[in-house]
Protein backbone atom coordinates (compact mmCIF):
# COMPACT_ATOMS: atom_id res chain seq x y z
CA MET A 1 -96.06 21.00 -68.06
CA ALA A 2 -95.29 17.99 -66.10
CA ARG A 3 -92.18 18.31 -63.72
CA SER A 4 -89.10 16.17 -63.98
CA SER A 5 -88.76 13.87 -61.60
CA LYS A 6 -84.90 13.16 -61.07
CA ARG A 7 -83.69 12.19 -58.14
CA SER A 8 -80.10 12.12 -56.73
CA ALA A 9 -78.77 8.94 -56.02
CA SER A 10 -78.59 9.62 -52.00
CA GLU A 11 -82.41 10.12 -52.36
CA PRO A 12 -84.49 6.91 -51.60
CA THR A 13 -86.18 5.57 -54.39
CA PRO A 14 -90.08 4.97 -52.89
CA GLY A 15 -90.82 1.62 -52.08
CA SER A 16 -87.16 0.85 -51.53
CA LEU A 17 -85.60 -0.73 -49.25
CA ALA A 18 -84.64 2.11 -47.13
CA ASP A 19 -87.97 3.77 -47.56
CA LEU A 20 -88.98 0.06 -45.59
CA GLN A 21 -86.57 0.59 -42.20
CA ALA A 22 -89.05 -0.01 -40.09
CA GLU A 23 -89.56 -3.75 -41.67
CA ALA A 24 -86.10 -3.85 -42.58
CA ASP A 25 -82.89 -5.38 -40.96
CA PRO A 26 -81.01 -1.95 -39.81
CA ARG A 27 -77.14 -3.59 -41.01
CA VAL A 28 -79.52 -4.29 -44.79
CA VAL A 29 -80.93 -1.41 -44.99
CA ALA A 30 -77.36 0.39 -44.37
CA ARG A 31 -75.61 -1.92 -46.87
CA THR A 32 -78.13 -0.45 -49.42
CA VAL A 33 -77.76 3.15 -48.38
CA VAL A 34 -74.05 3.44 -48.65
CA LEU A 35 -73.49 1.46 -52.07
CA ARG A 36 -76.11 3.23 -53.49
CA ARG A 37 -74.47 6.64 -52.13
CA LEU A 38 -71.00 5.32 -53.74
CA SER A 39 -72.84 4.23 -56.67
CA SER A 40 -72.71 8.23 -57.96
CA THR A 41 -69.40 9.40 -56.97
CA ALA A 42 -67.03 8.89 -54.05
CA ARG A 43 -68.10 10.11 -50.65
CA THR A 44 -66.25 10.28 -47.23
CA ARG A 45 -67.24 8.22 -44.49
CA LYS A 46 -68.41 10.94 -42.35
CA ASP A 47 -70.71 12.41 -45.24
CA LEU A 48 -71.27 8.18 -45.56
CA HIS A 49 -72.29 7.99 -41.83
CA ASP A 50 -74.22 11.54 -41.70
CA ASP A 51 -76.69 10.05 -44.07
CA LEU A 52 -76.75 6.79 -42.08
CA ILE A 53 -77.34 7.95 -39.09
CA LYS A 54 -80.03 10.64 -41.10
CA ARG A 55 -81.77 7.94 -41.86
CA GLU A 56 -82.37 6.59 -37.93
CA ILE A 57 -79.95 3.55 -38.39
CA PRO A 58 -78.32 2.47 -34.91
CA GLU A 59 -74.88 4.35 -34.46
CA ALA A 60 -73.31 1.18 -34.09
CA ILE A 61 -74.65 -0.79 -36.86
CA ALA A 62 -74.09 2.33 -39.04
CA ASP A 63 -70.22 1.79 -37.85
CA GLU A 64 -69.84 -1.25 -38.35
CA VAL A 65 -71.06 -1.06 -41.56
CA LEU A 66 -68.99 1.64 -42.36
CA ASP A 67 -65.96 -0.48 -40.98
CA ARG A 68 -66.43 -3.24 -43.89
CA PHE A 69 -66.78 -0.59 -46.78
CA THR A 70 -63.51 0.75 -45.26
CA GLU A 71 -61.76 -2.37 -44.95
CA LEU A 72 -63.24 -3.50 -48.54
CA GLY A 73 -61.63 -0.23 -49.67
CA LEU A 74 -64.77 1.08 -50.96
CA ILE A 75 -64.67 3.81 -48.76
CA ASN A 76 -61.43 5.45 -48.80
CA ASP A 77 -60.62 9.14 -47.33
CA THR A 78 -56.72 9.94 -48.44
CA ASP A 79 -58.31 8.58 -51.74
CA TYR A 80 -61.34 10.78 -51.63
CA ALA A 81 -58.88 13.83 -50.94
CA GLU A 82 -56.63 13.48 -53.25
CA LEU A 83 -59.33 13.02 -56.15
CA PHE A 84 -61.12 16.32 -54.15
CA VAL A 85 -58.50 18.98 -54.52
CA ALA A 86 -57.29 17.19 -57.95
CA SER A 87 -60.99 18.16 -59.05
CA ARG A 88 -61.20 21.68 -57.75
CA ARG A 89 -57.91 22.89 -58.84
CA ARG A 90 -58.46 21.53 -61.98
CA SER A 91 -62.09 23.34 -62.27
CA ARG A 92 -61.94 25.60 -60.00
CA GLY A 93 -58.56 26.70 -59.27
CA THR A 94 -59.31 26.39 -55.34
CA ALA A 95 -56.27 27.30 -53.81
CA ARG A 96 -54.85 25.24 -50.28
CA PRO A 97 -56.83 27.24 -47.57
CA VAL A 98 -60.31 26.79 -49.03
CA LEU A 99 -59.32 23.10 -50.35
CA ARG A 100 -58.03 22.13 -46.24
CA GLN A 101 -61.34 24.36 -44.95
CA GLU A 102 -63.86 22.07 -47.31
CA LEU A 103 -62.10 18.77 -46.86
CA ARG A 104 -62.31 19.59 -42.99
CA ARG A 105 -66.11 20.24 -43.33
CA LYS A 106 -66.43 16.99 -45.17
CA GLY A 107 -65.04 14.94 -41.90
CA VAL A 108 -61.46 14.42 -44.46
CA GLY A 109 -58.71 14.18 -41.30
CA ASP A 110 -55.46 16.59 -41.06
CA ASP A 111 -53.29 14.04 -41.82
CA GLN A 112 -54.85 12.83 -44.59
CA ILE A 113 -55.59 16.38 -46.03
CA HIS A 114 -52.06 17.27 -45.65
CA ALA A 115 -50.91 14.08 -47.79
CA ALA A 116 -53.48 15.81 -50.45
CA LEU A 117 -52.14 18.70 -50.02
CA GLU A 118 -48.39 18.60 -49.61
CA ASP A 119 -47.32 18.21 -53.75
CA ILE A 120 -48.86 21.96 -54.58
CA SER A 121 -45.79 23.85 -53.85
CA ASP A 122 -46.01 27.79 -53.66
CA GLU A 123 -45.17 28.34 -57.70
CA ASP A 124 -48.13 25.68 -58.25
CA GLU A 125 -50.39 28.44 -56.28
CA PHE A 126 -48.96 31.13 -58.23
CA ASP A 127 -48.99 29.66 -61.54
CA ARG A 128 -52.78 28.62 -61.18
CA ALA A 129 -53.66 32.41 -59.67
CA ARG A 130 -52.49 33.67 -62.82
CA ALA A 131 -54.16 31.53 -64.73
CA LEU A 132 -57.28 32.61 -62.99
CA VAL A 133 -56.22 36.37 -63.82
CA ARG A 134 -55.37 35.12 -67.86
CA SER A 135 -58.75 33.60 -67.79
CA LYS A 136 -60.93 35.94 -66.45
CA HIS A 137 -59.03 39.41 -67.37
CA PRO A 138 -60.43 39.52 -70.86
CA SER A 139 -64.11 39.53 -69.89
CA LEU A 140 -63.52 42.25 -67.70
CA ALA A 141 -61.71 44.53 -70.67
CA ARG A 142 -64.71 47.58 -70.65
CA LEU A 143 -63.71 48.35 -67.05
CA ASP A 144 -61.32 51.17 -65.72
CA SER A 145 -58.02 49.35 -64.57
CA ALA A 146 -59.07 50.14 -60.86
CA THR A 147 -62.41 48.04 -61.13
CA LYS A 148 -60.44 45.26 -62.71
CA GLN A 149 -57.67 44.85 -60.27
CA ARG A 150 -60.33 44.99 -57.11
CA ARG A 151 -62.52 42.48 -59.11
CA LEU A 152 -59.68 39.86 -59.94
CA MET A 153 -58.07 40.39 -56.17
CA GLY A 154 -62.03 39.59 -55.35
CA LEU A 155 -62.20 36.63 -56.96
CA LEU A 156 -58.69 35.33 -56.08
CA MET A 157 -58.91 35.69 -52.36
CA ARG A 158 -62.60 33.94 -52.99
CA ARG A 159 -60.52 31.23 -53.93
CA GLY A 160 -58.43 30.95 -51.02
CA TYR A 161 -54.77 32.89 -52.63
CA SER A 162 -53.12 35.30 -49.92
CA ALA A 163 -53.69 38.50 -50.96
CA ALA A 164 -49.90 38.63 -52.12
CA VAL A 165 -49.89 35.81 -54.14
CA ALA A 166 -52.98 37.62 -55.91
CA ALA A 167 -51.55 40.99 -56.31
CA ALA A 168 -48.34 39.47 -57.81
CA ALA A 169 -50.55 37.55 -59.82
CA ILE A 170 -52.20 40.36 -61.31
CA ARG A 171 -49.81 42.39 -61.34
CA ASP A 172 -47.62 39.79 -63.50
CA GLU A 173 -50.13 39.60 -65.22
CA VAL A 174 -51.26 42.92 -66.10
CA ASN A 175 -47.71 43.48 -67.23
CA ALA A 176 -47.54 40.79 -69.47
CA GLU A 177 -50.03 42.08 -71.55
CA PHE A 178 -49.30 45.63 -71.34
CA GLU A 179 -45.79 44.54 -72.88
CA HIS A 180 -47.98 42.12 -75.54
CA ASP A 181 -49.56 45.61 -76.57
CA PHE A 182 -46.19 47.14 -76.78
CA THR A 183 -44.32 44.62 -78.81
CA ASP A 184 -46.74 43.31 -81.71
CA ASP A 185 -46.69 46.75 -83.07
């Protein structure tokens, strides 16, 4: 059975300009690499910088090319942080502490992280935690109450919610289910 030969956008195409670094102008190689990486998805400046250094582009040239892409608005860590936060909150329900940590790891600055997270209120965090509990709770129906609570607590803690928020969200959702069971009769 033949294996699929799919490559990510960050991998060089065999025989491409990026593979011919020794013979090519490093500025052209750097621009090609950055354009290829940005064509698939937004990237942070640090991510792109690390990739250029890994491909043995001299640091001064990497910085020069990245500065130009930043001037043109093609690299924007503030926009990246906002999109990242919106996406992770929507798809995974990730809480502020984990989002902050992930953005730092990606090289986004503290001011940009603060700007991306400042619109998330404590109430938003609680509502999102409760929605996660609500979505996960039915799959735990066969388990005893203590096991359900432990698993729900683990889920929320892994997503970055504080113990107080996690416990309150679980308690509220369990109480809502309990009240629902008695009002249906």
